[in-house]
N, C-alpha and C. Protein backbone atom coordinates (compact mmCIF):
# COMPACT_ATOMS: atom_id res chain seq x y z
N MET A 1 7.44 14.84 2.89
CA MET A 1 8.36 14.39 1.85
C MET A 1 8.30 12.88 1.77
N PRO A 2 8.15 12.33 0.61
CA PRO A 2 8.00 10.87 0.45
C PRO A 2 9.33 10.16 0.81
N TYR A 3 9.14 8.93 1.26
CA TYR A 3 10.29 8.10 1.63
C TYR A 3 11.04 7.49 0.43
N ALA A 4 10.42 7.57 -0.74
CA ALA A 4 11.10 7.07 -1.94
C ALA A 4 10.80 8.07 -3.08
N ASP A 5 11.74 8.13 -4.01
CA ASP A 5 11.53 9.00 -5.21
C ASP A 5 11.40 8.07 -6.44
N HIS A 6 11.09 8.75 -7.58
CA HIS A 6 10.85 7.98 -8.83
C HIS A 6 12.16 7.29 -9.30
N THR A 7 13.30 7.91 -9.06
CA THR A 7 14.59 7.26 -9.48
C THR A 7 14.74 5.96 -8.66
N TYR A 8 14.54 5.97 -7.37
CA TYR A 8 14.63 4.73 -6.60
C TYR A 8 13.61 3.73 -7.07
N TYR A 9 12.41 4.19 -7.31
CA TYR A 9 11.34 3.35 -7.73
C TYR A 9 11.68 2.58 -9.05
N THR A 10 12.24 3.29 -10.00
CA THR A 10 12.51 2.67 -11.30
C THR A 10 13.87 1.91 -11.37
N GLN A 11 14.88 2.40 -10.58
CA GLN A 11 16.18 1.83 -10.75
C GLN A 11 16.50 0.81 -9.65
N SER A 12 16.03 0.98 -8.45
CA SER A 12 16.35 0.02 -7.38
C SER A 12 15.20 -0.92 -7.10
N TYR A 13 13.99 -0.41 -6.93
CA TYR A 13 12.80 -1.22 -6.73
C TYR A 13 12.39 -1.96 -7.99
N LEU A 14 12.81 -1.38 -9.18
CA LEU A 14 12.51 -1.90 -10.48
C LEU A 14 11.03 -1.87 -10.77
N GLY A 15 10.37 -0.78 -10.29
CA GLY A 15 8.94 -0.62 -10.52
C GLY A 15 8.70 -0.17 -11.94
N ARG A 16 7.62 -0.67 -12.53
CA ARG A 16 7.21 -0.29 -13.88
C ARG A 16 5.80 0.14 -13.92
N ARG A 17 5.06 0.01 -12.85
CA ARG A 17 3.62 0.29 -12.84
C ARG A 17 3.31 1.78 -13.00
N ILE A 18 4.05 2.66 -12.31
CA ILE A 18 3.75 4.08 -12.37
C ILE A 18 4.85 4.74 -13.20
N LYS A 19 4.47 5.17 -14.41
CA LYS A 19 5.44 5.68 -15.32
C LYS A 19 5.84 7.12 -15.06
N GLU A 20 4.93 8.02 -14.76
CA GLU A 20 5.20 9.45 -14.67
C GLU A 20 5.74 9.76 -13.28
N GLU A 21 6.83 10.59 -13.23
CA GLU A 21 7.39 10.94 -11.94
C GLU A 21 6.43 11.69 -11.05
N GLU A 22 5.67 12.59 -11.61
CA GLU A 22 4.75 13.42 -10.80
C GLU A 22 3.67 12.49 -10.17
N THR A 23 3.19 11.61 -10.95
CA THR A 23 2.16 10.66 -10.46
C THR A 23 2.75 9.76 -9.34
N PHE A 24 3.91 9.29 -9.57
CA PHE A 24 4.58 8.48 -8.53
C PHE A 24 4.73 9.26 -7.22
N LEU A 25 5.19 10.50 -7.36
CA LEU A 25 5.38 11.36 -6.15
C LEU A 25 4.12 11.55 -5.37
N MET A 26 3.03 11.67 -6.05
CA MET A 26 1.74 11.84 -5.39
C MET A 26 1.38 10.57 -4.62
N TYR A 27 1.56 9.42 -5.25
CA TYR A 27 1.24 8.15 -4.56
C TYR A 27 2.29 7.90 -3.40
N ALA A 28 3.54 8.23 -3.68
CA ALA A 28 4.58 7.98 -2.68
C ALA A 28 4.34 8.87 -1.46
N GLU A 29 3.78 10.06 -1.67
CA GLU A 29 3.46 10.93 -0.54
C GLU A 29 2.35 10.30 0.32
N ARG A 30 1.30 9.78 -0.36
CA ARG A 30 0.24 9.13 0.37
C ARG A 30 0.78 7.89 1.10
N ALA A 31 1.60 7.13 0.44
CA ALA A 31 2.22 5.93 1.04
C ALA A 31 3.03 6.34 2.22
N SER A 32 3.79 7.38 2.18
CA SER A 32 4.61 7.81 3.29
C SER A 32 3.71 8.24 4.46
N GLU A 33 2.63 8.87 4.24
CA GLU A 33 1.72 9.21 5.31
C GLU A 33 1.15 7.95 5.94
N TYR A 34 0.87 6.93 5.13
CA TYR A 34 0.35 5.70 5.68
C TYR A 34 1.47 5.01 6.55
N ILE A 35 2.70 5.02 6.04
CA ILE A 35 3.79 4.47 6.81
C ILE A 35 3.98 5.20 8.15
N ASP A 36 3.86 6.51 8.12
CA ASP A 36 3.94 7.29 9.36
C ASP A 36 2.86 6.87 10.34
N MET A 37 1.68 6.62 9.82
CA MET A 37 0.56 6.26 10.69
C MET A 37 0.82 4.88 11.35
N VAL A 38 1.22 3.87 10.58
CA VAL A 38 1.42 2.54 11.14
C VAL A 38 2.70 2.41 11.90
N THR A 39 3.63 3.36 11.80
CA THR A 39 4.85 3.32 12.58
C THR A 39 4.79 4.34 13.75
N PHE A 40 3.61 4.94 13.96
CA PHE A 40 3.43 5.87 15.03
C PHE A 40 4.38 7.07 14.94
N ASP A 41 4.70 7.53 13.75
CA ASP A 41 5.55 8.66 13.50
C ASP A 41 7.00 8.42 13.99
N ARG A 42 7.41 7.20 14.13
CA ARG A 42 8.74 6.91 14.56
C ARG A 42 9.85 7.29 13.56
N LEU A 43 9.43 7.55 12.32
CA LEU A 43 10.39 7.94 11.26
C LEU A 43 10.40 9.39 10.99
N SER A 44 9.57 10.19 11.74
CA SER A 44 9.42 11.60 11.47
C SER A 44 10.70 12.37 11.72
N GLY A 45 11.60 11.85 12.51
CA GLY A 45 12.91 12.56 12.73
C GLY A 45 13.96 12.08 11.72
N GLY A 46 13.61 11.21 10.83
CA GLY A 46 14.54 10.73 9.88
C GLY A 46 14.55 9.18 9.89
N VAL A 47 14.90 8.59 8.79
CA VAL A 47 14.96 7.14 8.64
C VAL A 47 16.40 6.66 9.00
N PRO A 48 16.50 5.79 10.02
CA PRO A 48 17.85 5.25 10.29
C PRO A 48 18.42 4.53 9.07
N GLU A 49 19.70 4.68 8.87
CA GLU A 49 20.34 4.14 7.67
C GLU A 49 20.10 2.65 7.48
N GLU A 50 20.09 1.90 8.60
CA GLU A 50 19.94 0.45 8.48
C GLU A 50 18.51 0.06 8.10
N LEU A 51 17.58 0.98 8.17
CA LEU A 51 16.17 0.70 7.78
C LEU A 51 15.74 1.37 6.46
N ALA A 52 16.62 2.16 5.88
CA ALA A 52 16.29 2.99 4.72
C ALA A 52 15.77 2.14 3.56
N GLU A 53 16.44 1.05 3.24
CA GLU A 53 16.04 0.21 2.12
C GLU A 53 14.64 -0.38 2.33
N LYS A 54 14.41 -0.85 3.48
CA LYS A 54 13.09 -1.47 3.81
C LYS A 54 11.98 -0.42 3.73
N VAL A 55 12.22 0.75 4.23
CA VAL A 55 11.18 1.82 4.25
C VAL A 55 10.96 2.27 2.82
N GLN A 56 11.97 2.40 2.00
CA GLN A 56 11.80 2.82 0.58
C GLN A 56 11.04 1.69 -0.17
N LYS A 57 11.36 0.48 0.02
CA LYS A 57 10.61 -0.62 -0.69
C LYS A 57 9.17 -0.59 -0.29
N CYS A 58 8.90 -0.41 1.03
CA CYS A 58 7.56 -0.36 1.54
C CYS A 58 6.80 0.79 0.90
N CYS A 59 7.45 1.92 0.80
CA CYS A 59 6.80 3.16 0.17
C CYS A 59 6.42 2.82 -1.29
N CYS A 60 7.31 2.23 -1.99
CA CYS A 60 7.08 1.90 -3.41
C CYS A 60 5.92 0.89 -3.55
N ALA A 61 5.95 -0.12 -2.74
CA ALA A 61 4.90 -1.19 -2.80
C ALA A 61 3.51 -0.54 -2.49
N ILE A 62 3.46 0.29 -1.51
CA ILE A 62 2.17 0.90 -1.12
C ILE A 62 1.75 1.87 -2.24
N ALA A 63 2.70 2.65 -2.81
CA ALA A 63 2.35 3.56 -3.92
C ALA A 63 1.73 2.75 -5.05
N GLU A 64 2.31 1.60 -5.40
CA GLU A 64 1.72 0.77 -6.47
C GLU A 64 0.36 0.28 -6.11
N ALA A 65 0.18 -0.15 -4.86
CA ALA A 65 -1.14 -0.66 -4.43
C ALA A 65 -2.17 0.48 -4.52
N LEU A 66 -1.77 1.73 -4.09
CA LEU A 66 -2.71 2.86 -4.20
C LEU A 66 -3.07 3.17 -5.65
N ALA A 67 -2.08 3.05 -6.51
CA ALA A 67 -2.35 3.31 -7.96
C ALA A 67 -3.25 2.24 -8.54
N ASP A 68 -3.03 1.03 -8.16
CA ASP A 68 -3.92 -0.06 -8.59
C ASP A 68 -5.33 0.17 -8.06
N TYR A 69 -5.48 0.55 -6.82
CA TYR A 69 -6.77 0.77 -6.25
C TYR A 69 -7.51 1.96 -6.97
N ALA A 70 -6.74 3.02 -7.23
CA ALA A 70 -7.33 4.10 -7.94
C ALA A 70 -7.81 3.71 -9.32
N ASP A 71 -7.05 2.91 -9.98
CA ASP A 71 -7.43 2.45 -11.33
C ASP A 71 -8.68 1.57 -11.35
N TYR A 72 -8.78 0.72 -10.35
CA TYR A 72 -9.84 -0.28 -10.32
C TYR A 72 -11.01 0.01 -9.45
N SER A 73 -10.91 1.09 -8.64
CA SER A 73 -12.06 1.35 -7.72
C SER A 73 -13.17 2.13 -8.33
N GLY A 74 -13.01 2.55 -9.59
CA GLY A 74 -14.03 3.33 -10.27
C GLY A 74 -15.16 2.38 -10.65
N SER A 75 -15.97 2.83 -11.65
CA SER A 75 -17.14 2.06 -12.02
C SER A 75 -16.79 0.92 -12.95
N THR A 76 -15.56 0.92 -13.49
CA THR A 76 -15.17 -0.18 -14.37
C THR A 76 -14.77 -1.37 -13.57
N PRO A 77 -15.36 -2.52 -13.81
CA PRO A 77 -15.07 -3.72 -13.03
C PRO A 77 -13.86 -4.45 -13.48
N THR A 78 -13.09 -3.97 -14.44
CA THR A 78 -11.92 -4.64 -14.96
C THR A 78 -10.93 -5.09 -13.87
N GLY A 79 -10.65 -6.34 -13.85
CA GLY A 79 -9.72 -6.82 -12.84
C GLY A 79 -10.34 -7.08 -11.48
N SER A 80 -11.63 -6.89 -11.39
CA SER A 80 -12.33 -7.07 -10.08
C SER A 80 -13.11 -8.30 -10.10
N GLY A 81 -13.39 -8.85 -8.97
CA GLY A 81 -14.23 -10.03 -8.86
C GLY A 81 -15.72 -9.69 -8.77
N LYS A 82 -16.54 -10.52 -9.25
CA LYS A 82 -17.97 -10.32 -9.17
C LYS A 82 -18.42 -10.63 -7.77
N ALA A 83 -19.09 -9.67 -7.11
CA ALA A 83 -19.56 -9.89 -5.77
C ALA A 83 -20.97 -10.54 -5.76
N SER A 84 -21.82 -10.05 -6.65
CA SER A 84 -23.18 -10.63 -6.69
C SER A 84 -23.77 -10.37 -8.09
N GLU A 85 -24.80 -11.14 -8.39
CA GLU A 85 -25.50 -10.99 -9.68
C GLU A 85 -26.90 -11.45 -9.43
N THR A 86 -27.85 -10.65 -9.89
CA THR A 86 -29.31 -10.94 -9.80
C THR A 86 -29.85 -11.06 -11.18
N ILE A 87 -30.61 -12.06 -11.44
CA ILE A 87 -31.17 -12.29 -12.81
C ILE A 87 -32.45 -11.50 -13.03
N GLY A 88 -33.45 -11.53 -12.14
CA GLY A 88 -34.67 -10.79 -12.28
C GLY A 88 -34.31 -9.30 -12.21
N LYS A 89 -34.68 -8.52 -13.21
CA LYS A 89 -34.30 -7.08 -13.33
C LYS A 89 -32.75 -6.96 -13.18
N TYR A 90 -32.09 -7.67 -13.97
CA TYR A 90 -30.60 -7.87 -14.04
C TYR A 90 -29.85 -6.83 -13.23
N SER A 91 -29.01 -7.29 -12.33
CA SER A 91 -28.18 -6.43 -11.48
C SER A 91 -26.81 -7.13 -11.21
N VAL A 92 -25.76 -6.45 -11.31
CA VAL A 92 -24.43 -7.05 -11.08
C VAL A 92 -23.64 -6.02 -10.20
N SER A 93 -22.92 -6.55 -9.26
CA SER A 93 -21.99 -5.70 -8.44
C SER A 93 -20.60 -6.35 -8.42
N TYR A 94 -19.60 -5.51 -8.38
CA TYR A 94 -18.21 -6.01 -8.37
C TYR A 94 -17.48 -5.54 -7.13
N THR A 95 -16.48 -6.30 -6.72
CA THR A 95 -15.62 -5.87 -5.60
C THR A 95 -14.50 -5.04 -6.23
N ALA A 96 -13.92 -4.15 -5.44
CA ALA A 96 -12.75 -3.43 -5.83
C ALA A 96 -11.58 -4.37 -5.95
N ALA A 97 -10.56 -4.04 -6.73
CA ALA A 97 -9.33 -4.91 -6.88
C ALA A 97 -8.66 -5.16 -5.52
N ALA A 98 -8.62 -4.13 -4.69
CA ALA A 98 -7.95 -4.33 -3.37
C ALA A 98 -8.74 -5.29 -2.52
N GLN A 99 -10.09 -5.25 -2.62
CA GLN A 99 -10.87 -6.23 -1.85
C GLN A 99 -10.65 -7.66 -2.38
N THR A 100 -10.51 -7.76 -3.70
CA THR A 100 -10.26 -9.07 -4.29
C THR A 100 -8.92 -9.59 -3.79
N ILE A 101 -7.89 -8.74 -3.78
CA ILE A 101 -6.55 -9.16 -3.36
C ILE A 101 -6.60 -9.47 -1.90
N SER A 102 -7.25 -8.67 -1.09
CA SER A 102 -7.36 -8.91 0.35
C SER A 102 -8.06 -10.19 0.59
N GLY A 103 -9.08 -10.49 -0.18
CA GLY A 103 -9.83 -11.71 -0.03
C GLY A 103 -8.94 -12.94 -0.31
N LEU A 104 -8.02 -12.79 -1.28
CA LEU A 104 -7.04 -13.89 -1.54
C LEU A 104 -6.09 -14.08 -0.37
N LEU A 105 -5.71 -12.94 0.26
CA LEU A 105 -4.79 -13.00 1.35
C LEU A 105 -5.42 -13.54 2.63
N TYR A 106 -6.59 -13.07 2.94
CA TYR A 106 -7.23 -13.38 4.21
C TYR A 106 -8.49 -14.26 4.14
N GLY A 107 -8.97 -14.54 2.93
CA GLY A 107 -10.17 -15.32 2.83
C GLY A 107 -11.47 -14.53 3.09
N THR A 108 -11.33 -13.19 3.13
CA THR A 108 -12.47 -12.34 3.31
C THR A 108 -12.35 -11.11 2.34
N SER A 109 -13.29 -10.25 2.35
CA SER A 109 -13.19 -9.01 1.60
C SER A 109 -12.82 -7.91 2.55
N ALA A 110 -11.63 -7.96 3.12
CA ALA A 110 -11.25 -7.03 4.13
C ALA A 110 -10.96 -5.62 3.64
N GLY A 111 -10.58 -5.47 2.35
CA GLY A 111 -10.41 -4.18 1.73
C GLY A 111 -8.97 -3.64 1.72
N LEU A 112 -8.91 -2.44 1.25
CA LEU A 112 -7.63 -1.74 0.98
C LEU A 112 -6.77 -1.67 2.27
N GLN A 113 -7.40 -1.31 3.38
CA GLN A 113 -6.56 -1.09 4.59
C GLN A 113 -5.81 -2.37 5.04
N ASP A 114 -6.44 -3.49 4.92
CA ASP A 114 -5.77 -4.75 5.29
C ASP A 114 -4.69 -5.07 4.28
N TYR A 115 -4.93 -4.76 3.03
CA TYR A 115 -3.91 -4.99 2.00
C TYR A 115 -2.69 -4.11 2.24
N LEU A 116 -2.93 -2.83 2.55
CA LEU A 116 -1.79 -1.94 2.81
C LEU A 116 -1.03 -2.35 4.04
N ARG A 117 -1.76 -2.74 5.04
CA ARG A 117 -1.13 -3.22 6.29
C ARG A 117 -0.29 -4.46 6.04
N SER A 118 -0.75 -5.33 5.21
CA SER A 118 0.05 -6.54 4.91
C SER A 118 1.37 -6.19 4.21
N ILE A 119 1.28 -5.16 3.37
CA ILE A 119 2.53 -4.68 2.70
C ILE A 119 3.48 -4.18 3.73
N CYS A 120 2.98 -3.37 4.72
CA CYS A 120 3.83 -2.81 5.77
C CYS A 120 4.46 -3.96 6.58
N ILE A 121 3.63 -4.92 6.88
CA ILE A 121 4.20 -6.05 7.67
C ILE A 121 5.25 -6.76 6.91
N ARG A 122 5.10 -6.91 5.58
CA ARG A 122 6.12 -7.61 4.77
C ARG A 122 7.46 -6.90 4.85
N TYR A 123 7.43 -5.62 4.76
CA TYR A 123 8.69 -4.84 4.70
C TYR A 123 9.14 -4.32 6.10
N LEU A 124 8.25 -4.03 6.96
CA LEU A 124 8.60 -3.36 8.23
C LEU A 124 8.31 -4.25 9.49
N GLY A 125 7.76 -5.40 9.25
CA GLY A 125 7.31 -6.22 10.38
C GLY A 125 8.43 -6.61 11.34
N GLY A 126 9.60 -6.86 10.85
CA GLY A 126 10.71 -7.30 11.73
C GLY A 126 11.52 -6.12 12.24
N THR A 127 11.15 -4.91 11.98
CA THR A 127 11.97 -3.73 12.37
C THR A 127 11.57 -3.14 13.69
N ARG A 128 10.47 -3.56 14.27
CA ARG A 128 9.92 -3.05 15.52
C ARG A 128 9.28 -1.63 15.30
N LEU A 129 9.26 -1.14 14.14
CA LEU A 129 8.64 0.17 13.89
C LEU A 129 7.15 0.12 14.04
N MET A 130 6.53 -1.04 13.86
CA MET A 130 5.06 -1.11 13.96
C MET A 130 4.66 -1.56 15.32
N TYR A 131 5.53 -1.71 16.26
CA TYR A 131 5.27 -2.16 17.61
C TYR A 131 4.44 -1.10 18.30
N ARG A 132 3.29 -1.51 18.88
CA ARG A 132 2.39 -0.53 19.54
C ARG A 132 2.84 -0.13 20.92
N GLY A 133 3.69 -0.94 21.61
CA GLY A 133 4.12 -0.57 22.90
C GLY A 133 5.28 0.36 22.89
N CYS A 134 5.88 0.54 23.94
CA CYS A 134 6.99 1.50 24.03
C CYS A 134 8.35 0.77 24.15
N GLY A 135 8.76 0.43 25.30
CA GLY A 135 10.00 -0.32 25.46
C GLY A 135 11.18 0.49 24.93
N ASP A 136 12.17 -0.19 24.38
CA ASP A 136 13.41 0.52 23.90
C ASP A 136 13.17 1.21 22.60
N VAL A 137 12.03 0.99 21.93
CA VAL A 137 11.75 1.63 20.66
C VAL A 137 11.44 3.10 20.84
N CYS A 138 10.99 3.50 21.98
CA CYS A 138 10.59 4.91 22.23
C CYS A 138 11.63 5.79 22.84
N GLN A 139 12.86 5.45 22.65
CA GLN A 139 13.96 6.29 23.25
C GLN A 139 14.03 7.62 22.62
């Protein structure tokens, strides 16, 4: 079950990118799976009330990133940066939008995974959910 629904996305997060509820739910489900992975399933028993807003915002931001990636990762280079161009026997290749965004963030073409991780760090970085160790988080 996704951590955010379309109502939260449009009314609280103020998202406008994903119009259809069914499409949003598909991306939110994938986003929730990604959140579970980077938080080591610490939210599988339920989201603590004090973290609910951050987790929902993170879910919405990742859903939008996945939608953008799906739109721009096809053969259409719209919105993507040119990776290379050859003049003899003309050849052009483009980077995916997520690679372009990641390149802006990190100065490299690190790709979608780094971009999604940076979103998680923005929303969940101070919550200790992404902490790899155990300590008091693993109670």
